[in-house]
């Protein structure tokens, strides 16, 4: 999703630094999510479950803080990066929900 926005940024004349920042944060957040997903799950692994919960919750902070810092230092770049990240996150969430609720129930 993020990479599809590059031509839109280029044609629209929006700051490419904003796209680059959003892309780096997106890739970083996805790698972090993959690492969390590899933690063992189940009732017998309470520590891993706690780490997954804390990690998933802190993912928003790990993305939000750099976006705020960039926006304070350069408003147009920060708004472009935050807007792109918000759209990409919304699309990922929508696809995930459709996939989850559209799947057949397991027996």
PDB file of N, CA and C in Angstrom:
ATOM      1  N   UNK A   1       0.829  -1.190   0.000  1.00  0.00           N
ATOM      2  CA  UNK A   1       0.000   0.000   0.000  1.00  0.00           C
ATOM      3  C   UNK A   1       0.872   1.252   0.000  1.00  0.00           C
ATOM      4  N   UNK A   2       1.844   1.294   0.866  1.00  0.00           N
ATOM      5  CA  UNK A   2       2.705   2.477   0.967  1.00  0.00           C
ATOM      6  C   UNK A   2       3.416   2.734  -0.361  1.00  0.00           C
ATOM      7  N   UNK A   3       3.881   1.656  -0.981  1.00  0.00           N
ATOM      8  CA  UNK A   3       4.664   1.828  -2.199  1.00  0.00           C
ATOM      9  C   UNK A   3       3.798   2.268  -3.370  1.00  0.00           C
ATOM     10  N   UNK A   4       2.524   1.981  -3.331  1.00  0.00           N
ATOM     11  CA  UNK A   4       1.613   2.445  -4.371  1.00  0.00           C
ATOM     12  C   UNK A   4       1.386   3.953  -4.297  1.00  0.00           C
ATOM     13  N   UNK A   5       1.655   4.540  -3.154  1.00  0.00           N
ATOM     14  CA  UNK A   5       1.445   5.974  -2.974  1.00  0.00           C
ATOM     15  C   UNK A   5       2.588   6.813  -3.522  1.00  0.00           C
ATOM     16  N   UNK A   6       3.725   6.217  -3.828  1.00  0.00           N
ATOM     17  CA  UNK A   6       4.865   6.992  -4.324  1.00  0.00           C
ATOM     18  C   UNK A   6       4.533   7.749  -5.602  1.00  0.00           C
ATOM     19  N   UNK A   7       3.936   7.114  -6.616  1.00  0.00           N
ATOM     20  CA  UNK A   7       3.599   7.889  -7.814  1.00  0.00           C
ATOM     21  C   UNK A   7       2.591   9.008  -7.526  1.00  0.00           C
ATOM     22  N   UNK A   8       1.678   8.773  -6.596  1.00  0.00           N
ATOM     23  CA  UNK A   8       0.703   9.812  -6.243  1.00  0.00           C
ATOM     24  C   UNK A   8       1.424  11.006  -5.631  1.00  0.00           C
ATOM     25  N   UNK A   9       2.370  10.736  -4.746  1.00  0.00           N
ATOM     26  CA  UNK A   9       3.149  11.815  -4.139  1.00  0.00           C
ATOM     27  C   UNK A   9       3.944  12.569  -5.204  1.00  0.00           C
ATOM     28  N   UNK A  10       4.541  11.843  -6.131  1.00  0.00           N
ATOM     29  CA  UNK A  10       5.367  12.477  -7.157  1.00  0.00           C
ATOM     30  C   UNK A  10       4.524  13.347  -8.082  1.00  0.00           C
ATOM     31  N   UNK A  11       3.387  12.845  -8.516  1.00  0.00           N
ATOM     32  CA  UNK A  11       2.535  13.591  -9.443  1.00  0.00           C
ATOM     33  C   UNK A  11       1.877  14.781  -8.745  1.00  0.00           C
ATOM     34  N   UNK A  12       1.443  14.592  -7.520  1.00  0.00           N
ATOM     35  CA  UNK A  12       0.755  15.660  -6.791  1.00  0.00           C
ATOM     36  C   UNK A  12       1.704  16.740  -6.280  1.00  0.00           C
ATOM     37  N   UNK A  13       2.996  16.454  -6.275  1.00  0.00           N
ATOM     38  CA  UNK A  13       3.957  17.443  -5.796  1.00  0.00           C
ATOM     39  C   UNK A  13       4.063  17.495  -4.277  1.00  0.00           C
ATOM     40  N   UNK A  14       3.589  16.464  -3.617  1.00  0.00           N
ATOM     41  CA  UNK A  14       3.705  16.404  -2.165  1.00  0.00           C
ATOM     42  C   UNK A  14       5.139  16.050  -1.792  1.00  0.00           C
ATOM     43  N   UNK A  15       5.563  16.385  -0.579  1.00  0.00           N
ATOM     44  CA  UNK A  15       6.954  16.139  -0.181  1.00  0.00           C
ATOM     45  C   UNK A  15       7.305  14.647  -0.187  1.00  0.00           C
ATOM     46  N   UNK A  16       8.308  14.299  -0.984  1.00  0.00           N
ATOM     47  CA  UNK A  16       8.753  12.904  -1.037  1.00  0.00           C
ATOM     48  C   UNK A  16       9.410  12.471   0.266  1.00  0.00           C
ATOM     49  N   UNK A  17       9.918  13.438   1.034  1.00  0.00           N
ATOM     50  CA  UNK A  17      10.452  13.098   2.356  1.00  0.00           C
ATOM     51  C   UNK A  17       9.341  12.557   3.249  1.00  0.00           C
ATOM     52  N   UNK A  18       8.151  13.090   3.110  1.00  0.00           N
ATOM     53  CA  UNK A  18       7.010  12.596   3.881  1.00  0.00           C
ATOM     54  C   UNK A  18       6.693  11.158   3.513  1.00  0.00           C
ATOM     55  N   UNK A  19       6.731  10.855   2.208  1.00  0.00           N
ATOM     56  CA  UNK A  19       6.503   9.480   1.777  1.00  0.00           C
ATOM     57  C   UNK A  19       7.590   8.567   2.332  1.00  0.00           C
ATOM     58  N   UNK A  20       8.840   9.008   2.276  1.00  0.00           N
ATOM     59  CA  UNK A  20       9.959   8.183   2.741  1.00  0.00           C
ATOM     60  C   UNK A  20       9.846   7.912   4.243  1.00  0.00           C
ATOM     61  N   UNK A  21       9.483   8.918   4.999  1.00  0.00           N
ATOM     62  CA  UNK A  21       9.337   8.732   6.445  1.00  0.00           C
ATOM     63  C   UNK A  21       8.207   7.750   6.742  1.00  0.00           C
ATOM     64  N   UNK A  22       7.079   7.916   6.056  1.00  0.00           N
ATOM     65  CA  UNK A  22       5.957   6.992   6.256  1.00  0.00           C
ATOM     66  C   UNK A  22       6.345   5.577   5.853  1.00  0.00           C
ATOM     67  N   UNK A  23       7.101   5.433   4.767  1.00  0.00           N
ATOM     68  CA  UNK A  23       7.513   4.103   4.305  1.00  0.00           C
ATOM     69  C   UNK A  23       8.441   3.436   5.324  1.00  0.00           C
ATOM     70  N   UNK A  24       9.393   4.177   5.852  1.00  0.00           N
ATOM     71  CA  UNK A  24      10.317   3.618   6.843  1.00  0.00           C
ATOM     72  C   UNK A  24       9.561   3.221   8.110  1.00  0.00           C
ATOM     73  N   UNK A  25       8.662   4.079   8.562  1.00  0.00           N
ATOM     74  CA  UNK A  25       7.885   3.759   9.757  1.00  0.00           C
ATOM     75  C   UNK A  25       6.969   2.562   9.511  1.00  0.00           C
ATOM     76  N   UNK A  26       6.397   2.474   8.309  1.00  0.00           N
ATOM     77  CA  UNK A  26       5.514   1.363   7.976  1.00  0.00           C
ATOM     78  C   UNK A  26       6.287   0.039   7.983  1.00  0.00           C
ATOM     79  N   UNK A  27       7.423   0.029   7.323  1.00  0.00           N
ATOM     80  CA  UNK A  27       8.228  -1.193   7.275  1.00  0.00           C
ATOM     81  C   UNK A  27       8.688  -1.569   8.683  1.00  0.00           C
ATOM     82  N   UNK A  28       9.123  -0.591   9.449  1.00  0.00           N
ATOM     83  CA  UNK A  28       9.546  -0.862  10.826  1.00  0.00           C
ATOM     84  C   UNK A  28       8.420  -1.429  11.674  1.00  0.00           C
ATOM     85  N   UNK A  29       7.229  -0.867  11.552  1.00  0.00           N
ATOM     86  CA  UNK A  29       6.086  -1.360  12.324  1.00  0.00           C
ATOM     87  C   UNK A  29       5.691  -2.766  11.888  1.00  0.00           C
ATOM     88  N   UNK A  30       5.782  -3.050  10.601  1.00  0.00           N
ATOM     89  CA  UNK A  30       5.456  -4.389  10.107  1.00  0.00           C
ATOM     90  C   UNK A  30       6.482  -5.419  10.591  1.00  0.00           C
ATOM     91  N   UNK A  31       7.748  -5.061  10.583  1.00  0.00           N
ATOM     92  CA  UNK A  31       8.779  -5.971  11.094  1.00  0.00           C
ATOM     93  C   UNK A  31       8.549  -6.223  12.587  1.00  0.00           C
ATOM     94  N   UNK A  32       8.233  -5.171  13.321  1.00  0.00           N
ATOM     95  CA  UNK A  32       7.948  -5.302  14.750  1.00  0.00           C
ATOM     96  C   UNK A  32       6.753  -6.231  14.972  1.00  0.00           C
ATOM     97  N   UNK A  33       5.709  -6.084  14.148  1.00  0.00           N
ATOM     98  CA  UNK A  33       4.529  -6.949  14.257  1.00  0.00           C
ATOM     99  C   UNK A  33       4.878  -8.398  13.938  1.00  0.00           C
ATOM    100  N   UNK A  34       5.740  -8.609  12.963  1.00  0.00           N
ATOM    101  CA  UNK A  34       6.154  -9.977  12.637  1.00  0.00           C
ATOM    102  C   UNK A  34       6.939 -10.620  13.779  1.00  0.00           C
ATOM    103  N   UNK A  35       7.789  -9.826  14.414  1.00  0.00           N
ATOM    104  CA  UNK A  35       8.547 -10.335  15.563  1.00  0.00           C
ATOM    105  C   UNK A  35       7.585 -10.705  16.685  1.00  0.00           C
ATOM    106  N   UNK A  36       6.601  -9.858  16.940  1.00  0.00           N
ATOM    107  CA  UNK A  36       5.620 -10.157  17.984  1.00  0.00           C
ATOM    108  C   UNK A  36       4.803 -11.393  17.637  1.00  0.00           C
ATOM    109  N   UNK A  37       4.481 -11.569  16.366  1.00  0.00           N
ATOM    110  CA  UNK A  37       3.678 -12.719  15.952  1.00  0.00           C
ATOM    111  C   UNK A  37       4.440 -14.033  16.131  1.00  0.00           C
ATOM    112  N   UNK A  38       5.756 -13.981  16.140  1.00  0.00           N
ATOM    113  CA  UNK A  38       6.556 -15.194  16.297  1.00  0.00           C
ATOM    114  C   UNK A  38       6.660 -15.638  17.752  1.00  0.00           C
ATOM    115  N   UNK A  39       6.234 -14.792  18.685  1.00  0.00           N
ATOM    116  CA  UNK A  39       6.239 -15.193  20.092  1.00  0.00           C
ATOM    117  C   UNK A  39       5.228 -16.314  20.291  1.00  0.00           C
ATOM    118  N   UNK A  40       5.537 -17.263  21.155  1.00  0.00           N
ATOM    119  CA  UNK A  40       4.594 -18.364  21.377  1.00  0.00           C
ATOM    120  C   UNK A  40       3.285 -17.853  21.973  1.00  0.00           C
ATOM    121  N   UNK A  41       2.198 -18.504  21.583  1.00  0.00           N
ATOM    122  CA  UNK A  41       0.902 -18.100  22.113  1.00  0.00           C
ATOM    123  C   UNK A  41       0.285 -19.257  22.883  1.00  0.00           C
ATOM    124  N   UNK A  42      -0.745 -18.963  23.598  1.00  0.00           N
ATOM    125  CA  UNK A  42      -1.422 -19.993  24.370  1.00  0.00           C
ATOM    126  C   UNK A  42      -1.466 -19.634  25.833  1.00  0.00           C
ATOM    127  N   UNK A  43      -2.333 -20.317  26.565  1.00  0.00           N
ATOM    128  CA  UNK A  43      -2.518 -20.022  27.987  1.00  0.00           C
ATOM    129  C   UNK A  43      -1.293 -20.377  28.819  1.00  0.00           C
ATOM    130  N   UNK A  44      -0.456 -21.287  28.327  1.00  0.00           N
ATOM    131  CA  UNK A  44       0.719 -21.681  29.100  1.00  0.00           C
ATOM    132  C   UNK A  44       1.900 -20.735  28.911  1.00  0.00           C
ATOM    133  N   UNK A  45       1.783 -19.743  28.049  1.00  0.00           N
ATOM    134  CA  UNK A  45       2.856 -18.771  27.794  1.00  0.00           C
ATOM    135  C   UNK A  45       2.372 -17.359  28.149  1.00  0.00           C
ATOM    136  N   UNK A  46       2.124 -17.125  29.427  1.00  0.00           N
ATOM    137  CA  UNK A  46       1.594 -15.835  29.849  1.00  0.00           C
ATOM    138  C   UNK A  46       2.580 -14.700  29.612  1.00  0.00           C
ATOM    139  N   UNK A  47       3.868 -14.954  29.786  1.00  0.00           N
ATOM    140  CA  UNK A  47       4.866 -13.908  29.571  1.00  0.00           C
ATOM    141  C   UNK A  47       4.876 -13.482  28.105  1.00  0.00           C
ATOM    142  N   UNK A  48       4.836 -14.450  27.204  1.00  0.00           N
ATOM    143  CA  UNK A  48       4.825 -14.131  25.775  1.00  0.00           C
ATOM    144  C   UNK A  48       3.540 -13.410  25.400  1.00  0.00           C
ATOM    145  N   UNK A  49       2.417 -13.824  25.981  1.00  0.00           N
ATOM    146  CA  UNK A  49       1.151 -13.153  25.700  1.00  0.00           C
ATOM    147  C   UNK A  49       1.184 -11.707  26.188  1.00  0.00           C
ATOM    148  N   UNK A  50       1.769 -11.499  27.354  1.00  0.00           N
ATOM    149  CA  UNK A  50       1.917 -10.136  27.865  1.00  0.00           C
ATOM    150  C   UNK A  50       2.804  -9.284  26.975  1.00  0.00           C
ATOM    151  N   UNK A  51       3.906  -9.871  26.504  1.00  0.00           N
ATOM    152  CA  UNK A  51       4.799  -9.141  25.596  1.00  0.00           C
ATOM    153  C   UNK A  51       4.091  -8.781  24.296  1.00  0.00           C
ATOM    154  N   UNK A  52       3.273  -9.698  23.782  1.00  0.00           N
ATOM    155  CA  UNK A  52       2.517  -9.419  22.559  1.00  0.00           C
ATOM    156  C   UNK A  52       1.546  -8.267  22.781  1.00  0.00           C
ATOM    157  N   UNK A  53       0.873  -8.279  23.924  1.00  0.00           N
ATOM    158  CA  UNK A  53      -0.082  -7.206  24.213  1.00  0.00           C
ATOM    159  C   UNK A  53       0.593  -5.864  24.375  1.00  0.00           C
ATOM    160  N   UNK A  54       1.663  -5.843  25.146  1.00  0.00           N
ATOM    161  CA  UNK A  54       2.399  -4.592  25.348  1.00  0.00           C
ATOM    162  C   UNK A  54       3.022  -4.118  24.039  1.00  0.00           C
ATOM    163  N   UNK A  55       3.575  -5.049  23.277  1.00  0.00           N
ATOM    164  CA  UNK A  55       4.188  -4.687  22.002  1.00  0.00           C
ATOM    165  C   UNK A  55       3.197  -4.139  21.005  1.00  0.00           C
ATOM    166  N   UNK A  56       2.034  -4.752  20.928  1.00  0.00           N
ATOM    167  CA  UNK A  56       1.006  -4.281  20.001  1.00  0.00           C
ATOM    168  C   UNK A  56       0.521  -2.896  20.402  1.00  0.00           C
ATOM    169  N   UNK A  57       0.358  -2.680  21.687  1.00  0.00           N
ATOM    170  CA  UNK A  57      -0.074  -1.376  22.167  1.00  0.00           C
ATOM    171  C   UNK A  57       0.998  -0.311  21.943  1.00  0.00           C
ATOM    172  N   UNK A  58       2.240  -0.667  22.185  1.00  0.00           N
ATOM    173  CA  UNK A  58       3.313   0.321  22.042  1.00  0.00           C
ATOM    174  C   UNK A  58       3.660   0.608  20.584  1.00  0.00           C
ATOM    175  N   UNK A  59       3.180  -0.210  19.677  1.00  0.00           N
ATOM    176  CA  UNK A  59       3.438   0.027  18.250  1.00  0.00           C
ATOM    177  C   UNK A  59       2.930   1.400  17.822  1.00  0.00           C
ATOM    178  N   UNK A  60       1.782   1.811  18.338  1.00  0.00           N
ATOM    179  CA  UNK A  60       1.248   3.134  18.006  1.00  0.00           C
ATOM    180  C   UNK A  60       2.175   4.247  18.491  1.00  0.00           C
ATOM    181  N   UNK A  61       2.737   4.072  19.679  1.00  0.00           N
ATOM    182  CA  UNK A  61       3.675   5.076  20.187  1.00  0.00           C
ATOM    183  C   UNK A  61       4.961   5.105  19.378  1.00  0.00           C
ATOM    184  N   UNK A  62       5.436   3.935  18.977  1.00  0.00           N
ATOM    185  CA  UNK A  62       6.678   3.861  18.205  1.00  0.00           C
ATOM    186  C   UNK A  62       6.545   4.525  16.846  1.00  0.00           C
ATOM    187  N   UNK A  63       5.340   4.625  16.346  1.00  0.00           N
ATOM    188  CA  UNK A  63       5.102   5.322  15.080  1.00  0.00           C
ATOM    189  C   UNK A  63       4.701   6.769  15.329  1.00  0.00           C
ATOM    190  N   UNK A  64       3.860   6.981  16.319  1.00  0.00           N
ATOM    191  CA  UNK A  64       3.322   8.317  16.563  1.00  0.00           C
ATOM    192  C   UNK A  64       4.348   9.337  17.009  1.00  0.00           C
ATOM    193  N   UNK A  65       5.263   8.937  17.860  1.00  0.00           N
ATOM    194  CA  UNK A  65       6.260   9.891  18.372  1.00  0.00           C
ATOM    195  C   UNK A  65       7.141  10.445  17.256  1.00  0.00           C
ATOM    196  N   UNK A  66       7.706   9.598  16.381  1.00  0.00           N
ATOM    197  CA  UNK A  66       8.488  10.179  15.282  1.00  0.00           C
ATOM    198  C   UNK A  66       7.644  11.061  14.353  1.00  0.00           C
ATOM    199  N   UNK A  67       6.384  10.700  14.136  1.00  0.00           N
ATOM    200  CA  UNK A  67       5.532  11.534  13.279  1.00  0.00           C
ATOM    201  C   UNK A  67       5.295  12.906  13.895  1.00  0.00           C
ATOM    202  N   UNK A  68       5.114  12.964  15.201  1.00  0.00           N
ATOM    203  CA  UNK A  68       4.942  14.254  15.873  1.00  0.00           C
ATOM    204  C   UNK A  68       6.223  15.068  15.790  1.00  0.00           C
ATOM    205  N   UNK A  69       7.360  14.434  16.010  1.00  0.00           N
ATOM    206  CA  UNK A  69       8.643  15.142  15.950  1.00  0.00           C
ATOM    207  C   UNK A  69       8.878  15.714  14.557  1.00  0.00           C
ATOM    208  N   UNK A  70       8.606  14.916  13.528  1.00  0.00           N
ATOM    209  CA  UNK A  70       8.787  15.394  12.149  1.00  0.00           C
ATOM    210  C   UNK A  70       7.825  16.533  11.856  1.00  0.00           C
ATOM    211  N   UNK A  71       6.585  16.417  12.302  1.00  0.00           N
ATOM    212  CA  UNK A  71       5.593  17.454  12.038  1.00  0.00           C
ATOM    213  C   UNK A  71       5.969  18.767  12.720  1.00  0.00           C
ATOM    214  N   UNK A  72       6.531  18.688  13.896  1.00  0.00           N
ATOM    215  CA  UNK A  72       6.960  19.907  14.594  1.00  0.00           C
ATOM    216  C   UNK A  72       8.115  20.568  13.853  1.00  0.00           C
ATOM    217  N   UNK A  73       9.034  19.767  13.335  1.00  0.00           N
ATOM    218  CA  UNK A  73      10.201  20.339  12.663  1.00  0.00           C
ATOM    219  C   UNK A  73       9.887  20.788  11.232  1.00  0.00           C
ATOM    220  N   UNK A  74       8.997  20.085  10.531  1.00  0.00           N
ATOM    221  CA  UNK A  74       8.621  20.452   9.162  1.00  0.00           C
ATOM    222  C   UNK A  74       7.178  20.037   8.955  1.00  0.00           C
ATOM    223  N   UNK A  75       6.292  21.008   9.032  1.00  0.00           N
ATOM    224  CA  UNK A  75       4.858  20.722   9.044  1.00  0.00           C
ATOM    225  C   UNK A  75       4.374  19.996   7.792  1.00  0.00           C
ATOM    226  N   UNK A  76       4.774  20.440   6.617  1.00  0.00           N
ATOM    227  CA  UNK A  76       4.264  19.820   5.387  1.00  0.00           C
ATOM    228  C   UNK A  76       4.740  18.378   5.232  1.00  0.00           C
ATOM    229  N   UNK A  77       5.985  18.117   5.589  1.00  0.00           N
ATOM    230  CA  UNK A  77       6.516  16.753   5.515  1.00  0.00           C
ATOM    231  C   UNK A  77       5.817  15.869   6.547  1.00  0.00           C
ATOM    232  N   UNK A  78       5.651  16.364   7.753  1.00  0.00           N
ATOM    233  CA  UNK A  78       5.013  15.592   8.813  1.00  0.00           C
ATOM    234  C   UNK A  78       3.561  15.282   8.520  1.00  0.00           C
ATOM    235  N   UNK A  79       2.830  16.242   7.991  1.00  0.00           N
ATOM    236  CA  UNK A  79       1.425  16.009   7.666  1.00  0.00           C
ATOM    237  C   UNK A  79       1.298  15.012   6.528  1.00  0.00           C
ATOM    238  N   UNK A  80       2.170  15.112   5.538  1.00  0.00           N
ATOM    239  CA  UNK A  80       2.150  14.142   4.435  1.00  0.00           C
ATOM    240  C   UNK A  80       2.451  12.737   4.944  1.00  0.00           C
ATOM    241  N   UNK A  81       3.448  12.607   5.808  1.00  0.00           N
ATOM    242  CA  UNK A  81       3.811  11.295   6.351  1.00  0.00           C
ATOM    243  C   UNK A  81       2.694  10.743   7.229  1.00  0.00           C
ATOM    244  N   UNK A  82       2.144  11.571   8.101  1.00  0.00           N
ATOM    245  CA  UNK A  82       1.074  11.116   8.992  1.00  0.00           C
ATOM    246  C   UNK A  82      -0.174  10.741   8.209  1.00  0.00           C
ATOM    247  N   UNK A  83      -0.518  11.529   7.202  1.00  0.00           N
ATOM    248  CA  UNK A  83      -1.685  11.228   6.383  1.00  0.00           C
ATOM    249  C   UNK A  83      -1.537   9.917   5.635  1.00  0.00           C
ATOM    250  N   UNK A  84      -0.369   9.718   5.040  1.00  0.00           N
ATOM    251  CA  UNK A  84      -0.126   8.473   4.311  1.00  0.00           C
ATOM    252  C   UNK A  84      -0.148   7.276   5.249  1.00  0.00           C
ATOM    253  N   UNK A  85       0.483   7.404   6.404  1.00  0.00           N
ATOM    254  CA  UNK A  85       0.483   6.292   7.358  1.00  0.00           C
ATOM    255  C   UNK A  85      -0.933   5.988   7.824  1.00  0.00           C
ATOM    256  N   UNK A  86      -1.720   7.025   8.080  1.00  0.00           N
ATOM    257  CA  UNK A  86      -3.101   6.819   8.530  1.00  0.00           C
ATOM    258  C   UNK A  86      -3.929   6.100   7.467  1.00  0.00           C
ATOM    259  N   UNK A  87      -3.765   6.486   6.209  1.00  0.00           N
ATOM    260  CA  UNK A  87      -4.505   5.823   5.128  1.00  0.00           C
ATOM    261  C   UNK A  87      -4.055   4.367   4.999  1.00  0.00           C
ATOM    262  N   UNK A  88      -2.751   4.125   5.035  1.00  0.00           N
ATOM    263  CA  UNK A  88      -2.237   2.762   4.904  1.00  0.00           C
ATOM    264  C   UNK A  88      -2.709   1.891   6.069  1.00  0.00           C
ATOM    265  N   UNK A  89      -2.693   2.438   7.285  1.00  0.00           N
ATOM    266  CA  UNK A  89      -3.153   1.688   8.446  1.00  0.00           C
ATOM    267  C   UNK A  89      -4.637   1.359   8.322  1.00  0.00           C
ATOM    268  N   UNK A  90      -5.426   2.321   7.864  1.00  0.00           N
ATOM    269  CA  UNK A  90      -6.869   2.105   7.710  1.00  0.00           C
ATOM    270  C   UNK A  90      -7.153   1.025   6.675  1.00  0.00           C
ATOM    271  N   UNK A  91      -6.421   1.057   5.565  1.00  0.00           N
ATOM    272  CA  UNK A  91      -6.617   0.040   4.529  1.00  0.00           C
ATOM    273  C   UNK A  91      -6.223  -1.338   5.066  1.00  0.00           C
ATOM    274  N   UNK A  92      -5.090  -1.416   5.768  1.00  0.00           N
ATOM    275  CA  UNK A  92      -4.662  -2.699   6.333  1.00  0.00           C
ATOM    276  C   UNK A  92      -5.680  -3.219   7.336  1.00  0.00           C
ATOM    277  N   UNK A  93      -6.206  -2.340   8.175  1.00  0.00           N
ATOM    278  CA  UNK A  93      -7.208  -2.738   9.156  1.00  0.00           C
ATOM    279  C   UNK A  93      -8.479  -3.239   8.464  1.00  0.00           C
ATOM    280  N   UNK A  94      -8.933  -2.521   7.445  1.00  0.00           N
ATOM    281  CA  UNK A  94     -10.139  -2.931   6.725  1.00  0.00           C
ATOM    282  C   UNK A  94      -9.951  -4.279   6.048  1.00  0.00           C
ATOM    283  N   UNK A  95      -8.810  -4.475   5.398  1.00  0.00           N
ATOM    284  CA  UNK A  95      -8.536  -5.760   4.742  1.00  0.00           C
ATOM    285  C   UNK A  95      -8.469  -6.880   5.778  1.00  0.00           C
ATOM    286  N   UNK A  96      -7.836  -6.622   6.903  1.00  0.00           N
ATOM    287  CA  UNK A  96      -7.740  -7.621   7.965  1.00  0.00           C
ATOM    288  C   UNK A  96      -9.104  -7.992   8.528  1.00  0.00           C
ATOM    289  N   UNK A  97      -9.958  -6.998   8.726  1.00  0.00           N
ATOM    290  CA  UNK A  97     -11.293  -7.277   9.250  1.00  0.00           C
ATOM    291  C   UNK A  97     -12.137  -8.063   8.251  1.00  0.00           C
ATOM    292  N   UNK A  98     -12.062  -7.673   6.983  1.00  0.00           N
ATOM    293  CA  UNK A  98     -12.813  -8.397   5.957  1.00  0.00           C
ATOM    294  C   UNK A  98     -12.310  -9.833   5.851  1.00  0.00           C
ATOM    295  N   UNK A  99     -11.004 -10.008   5.910  1.00  0.00           N
ATOM    296  CA  UNK A  99     -10.429 -11.348   5.835  1.00  0.00           C
ATOM    297  C   UNK A  99     -10.843 -12.189   7.044  1.00  0.00           C
ATOM    298  N   UNK A 100     -10.773 -11.589   8.216  1.00  0.00           N
ATOM    299  CA  UNK A 100     -11.100 -12.329   9.444  1.00  0.00           C
ATOM    300  C   UNK A 100     -12.577 -12.714   9.481  1.00  0.00           C
ATOM    301  N   UNK A 101     -13.449 -11.736   9.256  1.00  0.00           N
ATOM    302  CA  UNK A 101     -14.880 -12.018   9.357  1.00  0.00           C
ATOM    303  C   UNK A 101     -15.439 -12.704   8.112  1.00  0.00           C
ATOM    304  N   UNK A 102     -14.709 -12.667   7.009  1.00  0.00           N
ATOM    305  CA  UNK A 102     -15.157 -13.328   5.805  1.00  0.00           C
ATOM    306  C   UNK A 102     -14.738 -14.787   5.721  1.00  0.00           C
ATOM    307  N   UNK A 103     -13.840 -15.207   6.603  1.00  0.00           N
ATOM    308  CA  UNK A 103     -13.356 -16.595   6.594  1.00  0.00           C
ATOM    309  C   UNK A 103     -14.417 -17.517   7.190  1.00  0.00           C
ATOM    310  N   UNK A 104     -14.380 -18.754   6.744  1.00  0.00           N
ATOM    311  CA  UNK A 104     -15.311 -19.738   7.291  1.00  0.00           C
ATOM    312  C   UNK A 104     -14.924 -20.085   8.721  1.00  0.00           C
ATOM    313  N   UNK A 105     -15.913 -20.369   9.516  1.00  0.00           N
ATOM    314  CA  UNK A 105     -15.662 -20.739  10.913  1.00  0.00           C
ATOM    315  C   UNK A 105     -14.957 -22.081  10.970  1.00  0.00           C
ATOM    316  N   UNK A 106     -13.981 -22.188  11.877  1.00  0.00           N
ATOM    317  CA  UNK A 106     -13.255 -23.443  12.069  1.00  0.00           C
ATOM    318  C   UNK A 106     -14.043 -24.339  13.029  1.00  0.00           C
ATOM    319  N   UNK A 107     -14.026 -25.597  12.737  1.00  0.00           N
ATOM    320  CA  UNK A 107     -14.778 -26.547  13.586  1.00  0.00           C
ATOM    321  C   UNK A 107     -14.022 -26.882  14.838  1.00  0.00           C
TER     322      UNK A 107
END
